[in-house]
Amino acid sequence: MRQRSLLITGIALVVLSPGGSLVQAGASDDPYDRGWFGHIFEDGHMFGGFGQSRSEPQIDGAEEITVVATNFAFEPPTIIVTAGSAVNIRLDNQGAVPHDLAVPELGLRVVASPGHEAVAGITDLQPGTYEMSCTFPGHADAGMTGSFVVEPAEST
């Protein structure tokens, strides 16, 4: 019984202390790398926060592209848009766990809980091919990756 009490006290001290590894797990400069602690607590695995975008709010009148997230894939796996355009990305999470669609180079991240949708807008797109993935631990490794292609605008 005493060993159990000591174990529980030790875990509480690590979690609550400023130097505890769980508290410090999200101390990265990368906005999408918040570590285990950030994914569990900040993004809503245990608490609220899903269905909200980390990018711009929905842009009125912009083209909308829907991406379906399942366990563990995006459909379509490639998004193609035109440079200079404004686009809304709708993430429809049909999976059993939370998912996001992130394109870090463009500052795009849309997060949706299971059975929900979320929308984020993005503007001022520059031509190029960018990697997109689900940033929840293990999801990209399981196949939740794709491409976000920004094609040059046609010249007139």
N, C-alpha and C. Protein backbone atom coordinates (compact mmCIF):
# COMPACT_ATOMS: atom_id res chain seq x y z
N MET A 1 0.83 -1.19 0.00
CA MET A 1 0.00 0.00 0.00
C MET A 1 0.87 1.25 0.00
N ARG A 2 1.94 1.22 0.81
CA ARG A 2 2.83 2.38 0.88
C ARG A 2 3.52 2.61 -0.46
N GLN A 3 3.93 1.55 -1.16
CA GLN A 3 4.58 1.70 -2.46
C GLN A 3 3.62 2.33 -3.47
N ARG A 4 2.38 1.95 -3.41
CA ARG A 4 1.38 2.51 -4.32
C ARG A 4 1.20 4.01 -4.06
N SER A 5 1.14 4.40 -2.80
CA SER A 5 1.02 5.82 -2.45
C SER A 5 2.23 6.61 -2.94
N LEU A 6 3.42 6.03 -2.77
CA LEU A 6 4.63 6.71 -3.23
C LEU A 6 4.63 6.85 -4.75
N LEU A 7 4.19 5.83 -5.45
CA LEU A 7 4.13 5.87 -6.91
C LEU A 7 3.17 6.96 -7.38
N ILE A 8 2.00 7.02 -6.78
CA ILE A 8 1.01 8.04 -7.17
C ILE A 8 1.54 9.43 -6.86
N THR A 9 2.19 9.61 -5.72
CA THR A 9 2.76 10.90 -5.36
C THR A 9 3.86 11.29 -6.35
N GLY A 10 4.70 10.34 -6.72
CA GLY A 10 5.77 10.62 -7.67
C GLY A 10 5.25 11.04 -9.03
N ILE A 11 4.24 10.37 -9.51
CA ILE A 11 3.64 10.73 -10.80
C ILE A 11 3.04 12.12 -10.73
N ALA A 12 2.35 12.42 -9.65
CA ALA A 12 1.75 13.76 -9.49
C ALA A 12 2.82 14.83 -9.47
N LEU A 13 3.94 14.59 -8.83
CA LEU A 13 5.02 15.58 -8.79
C LEU A 13 5.61 15.83 -10.17
N VAL A 14 5.79 14.79 -10.95
CA VAL A 14 6.33 14.95 -12.31
C VAL A 14 5.37 15.75 -13.17
N VAL A 15 4.10 15.43 -13.12
CA VAL A 15 3.10 16.11 -13.94
C VAL A 15 2.95 17.57 -13.53
N LEU A 16 2.96 17.85 -12.24
CA LEU A 16 2.69 19.19 -11.75
C LEU A 16 3.92 20.08 -11.64
N SER A 17 5.10 19.50 -11.64
CA SER A 17 6.31 20.32 -11.46
C SER A 17 6.68 21.04 -12.75
N PRO A 18 7.26 22.25 -12.62
CA PRO A 18 7.66 23.00 -13.81
C PRO A 18 8.70 22.27 -14.63
N GLY A 19 9.51 21.44 -14.04
CA GLY A 19 10.54 20.71 -14.78
C GLY A 19 10.09 19.34 -15.23
N GLY A 20 8.86 18.96 -14.95
CA GLY A 20 8.38 17.63 -15.29
C GLY A 20 8.32 17.42 -16.79
N SER A 21 8.66 16.23 -17.22
CA SER A 21 8.74 15.97 -18.65
C SER A 21 7.40 16.14 -19.36
N LEU A 22 6.31 15.85 -18.71
CA LEU A 22 5.02 16.00 -19.37
C LEU A 22 4.68 17.47 -19.59
N VAL A 23 5.03 18.32 -18.65
CA VAL A 23 4.75 19.74 -18.77
C VAL A 23 5.60 20.34 -19.87
N GLN A 24 6.83 19.90 -20.02
CA GLN A 24 7.76 20.47 -20.97
C GLN A 24 7.66 19.85 -22.37
N ALA A 25 6.85 18.84 -22.56
CA ALA A 25 6.80 18.12 -23.83
C ALA A 25 6.44 19.00 -25.00
N GLY A 26 5.69 20.07 -24.78
CA GLY A 26 5.27 20.90 -25.89
C GLY A 26 6.15 22.11 -26.12
N ALA A 27 7.34 22.16 -25.56
CA ALA A 27 8.17 23.34 -25.63
C ALA A 27 9.01 23.40 -26.90
N SER A 28 8.41 23.22 -28.06
CA SER A 28 9.11 23.26 -29.33
C SER A 28 8.75 24.53 -30.08
N ASP A 29 9.64 24.98 -30.97
CA ASP A 29 9.34 26.13 -31.81
C ASP A 29 8.38 25.76 -32.93
N ASP A 30 8.28 24.48 -33.26
CA ASP A 30 7.39 24.02 -34.32
C ASP A 30 5.95 24.07 -33.82
N PRO A 31 5.08 24.86 -34.48
CA PRO A 31 3.70 25.00 -33.98
C PRO A 31 2.90 23.71 -34.02
N TYR A 32 3.38 22.70 -34.79
CA TYR A 32 2.64 21.45 -34.87
C TYR A 32 3.27 20.36 -34.01
N ASP A 33 4.36 20.67 -33.29
CA ASP A 33 5.04 19.69 -32.47
C ASP A 33 4.87 20.06 -31.01
N ARG A 34 3.76 19.63 -30.43
CA ARG A 34 3.50 19.93 -29.04
C ARG A 34 3.70 18.69 -28.18
N GLY A 35 4.20 17.65 -28.78
CA GLY A 35 4.48 16.44 -28.03
C GLY A 35 3.21 15.76 -27.53
N TRP A 36 3.44 14.70 -26.80
CA TRP A 36 2.34 13.89 -26.29
C TRP A 36 1.39 14.72 -25.43
N PHE A 37 1.93 15.51 -24.50
CA PHE A 37 1.12 16.28 -23.58
C PHE A 37 0.20 17.25 -24.34
N GLY A 38 0.76 17.95 -25.33
CA GLY A 38 -0.03 18.90 -26.11
C GLY A 38 -1.14 18.23 -26.88
N HIS A 39 -0.86 17.08 -27.48
CA HIS A 39 -1.91 16.39 -28.23
C HIS A 39 -3.03 15.91 -27.32
N ILE A 40 -2.68 15.42 -26.15
CA ILE A 40 -3.69 14.90 -25.24
C ILE A 40 -4.53 16.02 -24.64
N PHE A 41 -3.88 17.07 -24.14
CA PHE A 41 -4.61 18.08 -23.39
C PHE A 41 -4.98 19.31 -24.20
N GLU A 42 -4.07 19.85 -25.00
CA GLU A 42 -4.38 21.07 -25.74
C GLU A 42 -5.34 20.83 -26.88
N ASP A 43 -5.21 19.72 -27.60
CA ASP A 43 -6.02 19.49 -28.78
C ASP A 43 -7.35 18.82 -28.50
N GLY A 44 -7.58 18.37 -27.29
CA GLY A 44 -8.90 17.90 -26.96
C GLY A 44 -9.12 16.42 -26.91
N HIS A 45 -8.05 15.58 -26.91
CA HIS A 45 -8.31 14.15 -26.72
C HIS A 45 -9.11 13.94 -25.44
N MET A 46 -8.75 14.69 -24.40
CA MET A 46 -9.46 14.53 -23.13
C MET A 46 -10.38 15.71 -22.83
N PHE A 47 -10.10 16.85 -23.43
CA PHE A 47 -10.90 18.03 -23.17
C PHE A 47 -11.36 18.62 -24.49
N GLY A 48 -12.08 19.76 -24.45
CA GLY A 48 -12.64 20.37 -25.65
C GLY A 48 -11.58 20.86 -26.60
N GLY A 49 -12.02 21.47 -27.72
CA GLY A 49 -11.08 22.06 -28.64
C GLY A 49 -11.18 21.54 -30.05
N PHE A 50 -11.94 20.50 -30.30
CA PHE A 50 -12.02 19.98 -31.65
C PHE A 50 -13.00 20.77 -32.47
N GLY A 51 -12.88 20.63 -33.78
CA GLY A 51 -13.76 21.32 -34.69
C GLY A 51 -13.33 22.75 -34.92
N GLN A 52 -12.16 23.12 -34.40
CA GLN A 52 -11.67 24.47 -34.59
C GLN A 52 -10.41 24.43 -35.43
N SER A 53 -10.23 25.48 -36.22
CA SER A 53 -9.08 25.59 -37.09
C SER A 53 -7.94 26.30 -36.38
N ARG A 54 -6.73 25.96 -36.74
CA ARG A 54 -5.56 26.68 -36.27
C ARG A 54 -5.12 27.67 -37.34
N SER A 55 -5.81 27.73 -38.47
CA SER A 55 -5.49 28.63 -39.57
C SER A 55 -6.48 29.78 -39.55
N GLU A 56 -6.78 30.32 -40.72
CA GLU A 56 -7.74 31.41 -40.83
C GLU A 56 -9.16 30.85 -40.74
N PRO A 57 -10.12 31.69 -40.34
CA PRO A 57 -11.51 31.24 -40.38
C PRO A 57 -11.95 31.03 -41.83
N GLN A 58 -13.09 30.44 -41.99
CA GLN A 58 -13.64 30.21 -43.32
C GLN A 58 -13.71 31.54 -44.08
N ILE A 59 -13.39 31.50 -45.37
CA ILE A 59 -13.37 32.70 -46.21
C ILE A 59 -14.64 32.71 -47.05
N ASP A 60 -15.49 33.72 -46.87
CA ASP A 60 -16.73 33.83 -47.63
C ASP A 60 -16.45 33.91 -49.12
N GLY A 61 -17.18 33.11 -49.91
CA GLY A 61 -17.08 33.13 -51.36
C GLY A 61 -15.90 32.38 -51.95
N ALA A 62 -15.02 31.82 -51.12
CA ALA A 62 -13.85 31.10 -51.64
C ALA A 62 -14.23 29.68 -52.05
N GLU A 63 -13.48 29.13 -52.99
CA GLU A 63 -13.67 27.73 -53.39
C GLU A 63 -13.51 26.85 -52.16
N GLU A 64 -14.32 25.77 -52.08
CA GLU A 64 -14.21 24.86 -50.96
C GLU A 64 -13.82 23.48 -51.45
N ILE A 65 -12.84 22.91 -50.80
CA ILE A 65 -12.38 21.56 -51.11
C ILE A 65 -12.59 20.71 -49.87
N THR A 66 -13.30 19.60 -50.03
CA THR A 66 -13.55 18.69 -48.92
C THR A 66 -12.57 17.54 -48.96
N VAL A 67 -11.95 17.27 -47.82
CA VAL A 67 -11.04 16.14 -47.66
C VAL A 67 -11.64 15.26 -46.58
N VAL A 68 -11.81 13.98 -46.88
CA VAL A 68 -12.34 13.02 -45.91
C VAL A 68 -11.17 12.33 -45.22
N ALA A 69 -11.19 12.35 -43.90
CA ALA A 69 -10.18 11.66 -43.10
C ALA A 69 -10.81 10.38 -42.56
N THR A 70 -10.11 9.27 -42.78
CA THR A 70 -10.53 7.98 -42.23
C THR A 70 -9.36 7.44 -41.42
N ASN A 71 -9.50 6.25 -40.92
CA ASN A 71 -8.38 5.65 -40.19
C ASN A 71 -7.59 4.77 -41.14
N PHE A 72 -6.58 5.13 -41.76
CA PHE A 72 -5.70 6.26 -41.64
C PHE A 72 -5.33 6.72 -43.05
N ALA A 73 -6.17 7.53 -43.65
CA ALA A 73 -5.94 8.04 -45.00
C ALA A 73 -6.72 9.32 -45.22
N PHE A 74 -6.27 10.08 -46.23
CA PHE A 74 -7.00 11.24 -46.71
C PHE A 74 -7.57 10.90 -48.08
N GLU A 75 -8.79 11.36 -48.34
CA GLU A 75 -9.40 11.19 -49.67
C GLU A 75 -9.96 12.53 -50.09
N PRO A 76 -9.45 13.16 -51.10
CA PRO A 76 -8.35 12.71 -51.95
C PRO A 76 -7.00 12.90 -51.25
N PRO A 77 -5.99 12.12 -51.66
CA PRO A 77 -4.67 12.26 -51.06
C PRO A 77 -3.88 13.45 -51.61
N THR A 78 -4.39 14.05 -52.69
CA THR A 78 -3.74 15.22 -53.28
C THR A 78 -4.78 16.32 -53.47
N ILE A 79 -4.44 17.52 -53.01
CA ILE A 79 -5.28 18.69 -53.19
C ILE A 79 -4.57 19.58 -54.20
N ILE A 80 -5.30 20.05 -55.22
CA ILE A 80 -4.72 20.92 -56.23
C ILE A 80 -5.50 22.23 -56.26
N VAL A 81 -4.78 23.34 -56.07
CA VAL A 81 -5.38 24.67 -56.08
C VAL A 81 -4.55 25.58 -56.96
N THR A 82 -5.07 26.78 -57.24
CA THR A 82 -4.37 27.75 -58.08
C THR A 82 -3.72 28.82 -57.22
N ALA A 83 -2.49 29.18 -57.58
CA ALA A 83 -1.75 30.21 -56.86
C ALA A 83 -2.54 31.52 -56.83
N GLY A 84 -2.45 32.21 -55.72
CA GLY A 84 -3.11 33.49 -55.57
C GLY A 84 -4.58 33.40 -55.21
N SER A 85 -5.14 32.21 -55.21
CA SER A 85 -6.57 32.06 -54.91
C SER A 85 -6.79 31.92 -53.40
N ALA A 86 -8.03 32.10 -53.01
CA ALA A 86 -8.45 31.86 -51.63
C ALA A 86 -9.22 30.54 -51.64
N VAL A 87 -8.93 29.68 -50.68
CA VAL A 87 -9.53 28.34 -50.64
C VAL A 87 -9.94 28.01 -49.22
N ASN A 88 -11.09 27.36 -49.08
CA ASN A 88 -11.52 26.79 -47.80
C ASN A 88 -11.29 25.29 -47.86
N ILE A 89 -10.63 24.76 -46.86
CA ILE A 89 -10.41 23.32 -46.76
C ILE A 89 -11.34 22.79 -45.67
N ARG A 90 -12.26 21.90 -46.07
CA ARG A 90 -13.20 21.27 -45.13
C ARG A 90 -12.67 19.87 -44.83
N LEU A 91 -12.39 19.61 -43.56
CA LEU A 91 -11.96 18.28 -43.13
C LEU A 91 -13.17 17.56 -42.56
N ASP A 92 -13.55 16.48 -43.20
CA ASP A 92 -14.68 15.64 -42.78
C ASP A 92 -14.09 14.39 -42.14
N ASN A 93 -14.10 14.35 -40.81
CA ASN A 93 -13.49 13.22 -40.10
C ASN A 93 -14.49 12.07 -39.97
N GLN A 94 -14.33 11.07 -40.82
CA GLN A 94 -15.17 9.88 -40.76
C GLN A 94 -14.46 8.75 -40.03
N GLY A 95 -13.36 9.06 -39.39
CA GLY A 95 -12.61 8.07 -38.63
C GLY A 95 -13.15 7.92 -37.22
N ALA A 96 -12.54 7.00 -36.48
CA ALA A 96 -12.97 6.71 -35.12
C ALA A 96 -12.16 7.48 -34.08
N VAL A 97 -11.15 8.21 -34.53
CA VAL A 97 -10.30 8.98 -33.63
C VAL A 97 -10.12 10.39 -34.18
N PRO A 98 -9.65 11.33 -33.37
CA PRO A 98 -9.42 12.69 -33.87
C PRO A 98 -8.37 12.71 -34.99
N HIS A 99 -8.55 13.60 -35.95
CA HIS A 99 -7.59 13.79 -37.04
C HIS A 99 -7.44 15.26 -37.33
N ASP A 100 -6.34 15.59 -37.96
CA ASP A 100 -6.15 16.93 -38.49
C ASP A 100 -5.55 16.81 -39.89
N LEU A 101 -5.59 17.92 -40.60
CA LEU A 101 -4.93 18.04 -41.89
C LEU A 101 -4.02 19.24 -41.74
N ALA A 102 -2.71 19.01 -41.83
CA ALA A 102 -1.75 20.09 -41.62
C ALA A 102 -0.82 20.20 -42.81
N VAL A 103 -0.58 21.44 -43.20
CA VAL A 103 0.43 21.77 -44.21
C VAL A 103 1.29 22.85 -43.55
N PRO A 104 2.28 22.44 -42.76
CA PRO A 104 3.05 23.39 -41.97
C PRO A 104 3.69 24.52 -42.79
N GLU A 105 4.19 24.22 -43.98
CA GLU A 105 4.83 25.25 -44.79
C GLU A 105 3.87 26.37 -45.18
N LEU A 106 2.58 26.08 -45.20
CA LEU A 106 1.57 27.08 -45.55
C LEU A 106 0.85 27.64 -44.32
N GLY A 107 1.17 27.10 -43.16
CA GLY A 107 0.50 27.54 -41.94
C GLY A 107 -0.94 27.05 -41.85
N LEU A 108 -1.24 25.96 -42.51
CA LEU A 108 -2.61 25.43 -42.54
C LEU A 108 -2.74 24.26 -41.58
N ARG A 109 -3.76 24.30 -40.75
CA ARG A 109 -4.09 23.16 -39.89
C ARG A 109 -5.58 23.20 -39.60
N VAL A 110 -6.26 22.09 -39.89
CA VAL A 110 -7.69 21.93 -39.62
C VAL A 110 -7.81 20.70 -38.73
N VAL A 111 -8.53 20.82 -37.61
CA VAL A 111 -8.67 19.73 -36.64
C VAL A 111 -10.14 19.38 -36.51
N ALA A 112 -10.47 18.07 -36.56
CA ALA A 112 -11.86 17.64 -36.40
C ALA A 112 -11.92 16.38 -35.54
N SER A 113 -12.89 16.35 -34.66
CA SER A 113 -13.11 15.16 -33.84
C SER A 113 -13.86 14.11 -34.67
N PRO A 114 -13.90 12.87 -34.21
CA PRO A 114 -14.58 11.82 -34.96
C PRO A 114 -16.04 12.19 -35.25
N GLY A 115 -16.45 12.01 -36.50
CA GLY A 115 -17.83 12.28 -36.89
C GLY A 115 -18.15 13.74 -37.09
N HIS A 116 -17.15 14.61 -37.08
CA HIS A 116 -17.37 16.04 -37.22
C HIS A 116 -16.57 16.61 -38.39
N GLU A 117 -16.90 17.85 -38.75
CA GLU A 117 -16.20 18.56 -39.81
C GLU A 117 -15.67 19.88 -39.25
N ALA A 118 -14.62 20.38 -39.88
CA ALA A 118 -14.07 21.69 -39.55
C ALA A 118 -13.58 22.31 -40.85
N VAL A 119 -13.60 23.65 -40.90
CA VAL A 119 -13.20 24.36 -42.11
C VAL A 119 -12.16 25.43 -41.75
N ALA A 120 -11.16 25.54 -42.61
CA ALA A 120 -10.16 26.60 -42.47
C ALA A 120 -9.91 27.21 -43.84
N GLY A 121 -9.71 28.51 -43.86
CA GLY A 121 -9.42 29.21 -45.10
C GLY A 121 -7.95 29.51 -45.23
N ILE A 122 -7.50 29.62 -46.46
CA ILE A 122 -6.10 29.95 -46.72
C ILE A 122 -6.04 30.82 -47.96
N THR A 123 -5.16 31.83 -47.94
CA THR A 123 -5.03 32.78 -49.05
C THR A 123 -3.57 32.95 -49.42
N ASP A 124 -3.34 33.73 -50.47
CA ASP A 124 -1.98 34.10 -50.90
C ASP A 124 -1.09 32.88 -51.11
N LEU A 125 -1.60 31.87 -51.78
CA LEU A 125 -0.85 30.64 -52.02
C LEU A 125 0.20 30.84 -53.10
N GLN A 126 1.41 30.38 -52.83
CA GLN A 126 2.51 30.44 -53.78
C GLN A 126 2.68 29.09 -54.46
N PRO A 127 3.03 29.08 -55.77
CA PRO A 127 3.20 27.80 -56.47
C PRO A 127 4.20 26.88 -55.78
N GLY A 128 3.89 25.59 -55.80
CA GLY A 128 4.77 24.59 -55.22
C GLY A 128 3.99 23.37 -54.81
N THR A 129 4.72 22.35 -54.40
CA THR A 129 4.12 21.13 -53.88
C THR A 129 4.54 21.01 -52.43
N TYR A 130 3.55 20.90 -51.55
CA TYR A 130 3.78 20.89 -50.12
C TYR A 130 3.27 19.58 -49.52
N GLU A 131 3.95 19.13 -48.48
CA GLU A 131 3.53 17.91 -47.79
C GLU A 131 2.38 18.22 -46.85
N MET A 132 1.38 17.35 -46.84
CA MET A 132 0.31 17.46 -45.85
C MET A 132 0.26 16.14 -45.09
N SER A 133 -0.17 16.23 -43.84
CA SER A 133 -0.25 15.02 -43.02
C SER A 133 -1.17 15.26 -41.84
N CYS A 134 -1.50 14.17 -41.16
CA CYS A 134 -2.17 14.24 -39.88
C CYS A 134 -1.06 14.25 -38.84
N THR A 135 -1.07 15.26 -37.97
CA THR A 135 0.03 15.42 -37.02
C THR A 135 -0.17 14.69 -35.70
N PHE A 136 -1.28 13.98 -35.53
CA PHE A 136 -1.46 13.22 -34.30
C PHE A 136 -0.45 12.07 -34.30
N PRO A 137 0.10 11.74 -33.14
CA PRO A 137 1.17 10.74 -33.06
C PRO A 137 0.83 9.43 -33.76
N GLY A 138 1.70 9.04 -34.69
CA GLY A 138 1.58 7.77 -35.39
C GLY A 138 0.69 7.80 -36.61
N HIS A 139 -0.11 8.84 -36.80
CA HIS A 139 -1.06 8.85 -37.92
C HIS A 139 -0.36 8.98 -39.27
N ALA A 140 0.64 9.86 -39.39
CA ALA A 140 1.37 9.99 -40.65
C ALA A 140 2.11 8.70 -40.96
N ASP A 141 2.70 8.08 -39.94
CA ASP A 141 3.41 6.81 -40.14
C ASP A 141 2.46 5.72 -40.61
N ALA A 142 1.19 5.82 -40.23
CA ALA A 142 0.19 4.82 -40.63
C ALA A 142 -0.38 5.11 -42.03
N GLY A 143 0.05 6.21 -42.65
CA GLY A 143 -0.39 6.48 -44.01
C GLY A 143 -1.17 7.76 -44.22
N MET A 144 -1.38 8.55 -43.18
CA MET A 144 -2.15 9.79 -43.33
C MET A 144 -1.24 10.92 -43.81
N THR A 145 -0.87 10.82 -45.08
CA THR A 145 -0.04 11.83 -45.72
C THR A 145 -0.60 12.12 -47.10
N GLY A 146 -0.14 13.19 -47.69
CA GLY A 146 -0.57 13.53 -49.03
C GLY A 146 0.17 14.75 -49.52
N SER A 147 -0.32 15.33 -50.60
CA SER A 147 0.31 16.50 -51.21
C SER A 147 -0.69 17.62 -51.36
N PHE A 148 -0.22 18.83 -51.16
CA PHE A 148 -1.00 20.04 -51.38
C PHE A 148 -0.27 20.77 -52.50
N VAL A 149 -0.86 20.75 -53.70
CA VAL A 149 -0.21 21.29 -54.89
C VAL A 149 -0.83 22.64 -55.24
N VAL A 150 0.01 23.65 -55.34
CA VAL A 150 -0.41 24.98 -55.74
C VAL A 150 0.15 25.22 -57.14
N GLU A 151 -0.74 25.19 -58.14
CA GLU A 151 -0.33 25.38 -59.53
C GLU A 151 -0.28 26.87 -59.86
N PRO A 152 0.67 27.26 -60.72
CA PRO A 152 0.73 28.67 -61.13
C PRO A 152 -0.58 29.11 -61.78
N ALA A 153 -0.93 30.37 -61.56
CA ALA A 153 -2.12 30.92 -62.20
C ALA A 153 -1.84 31.09 -63.69
N GLU A 154 -2.85 30.88 -64.52
CA GLU A 154 -2.68 31.05 -65.96
C GLU A 154 -2.46 32.53 -66.26
N SER A 155 -1.47 32.80 -67.12
CA SER A 155 -1.25 34.19 -67.50
C SER A 155 -2.16 34.56 -68.67
N THR A 156 -2.57 35.82 -68.66
CA THR A 156 -3.51 36.26 -69.71
C THR A 156 -2.84 37.08 -70.75
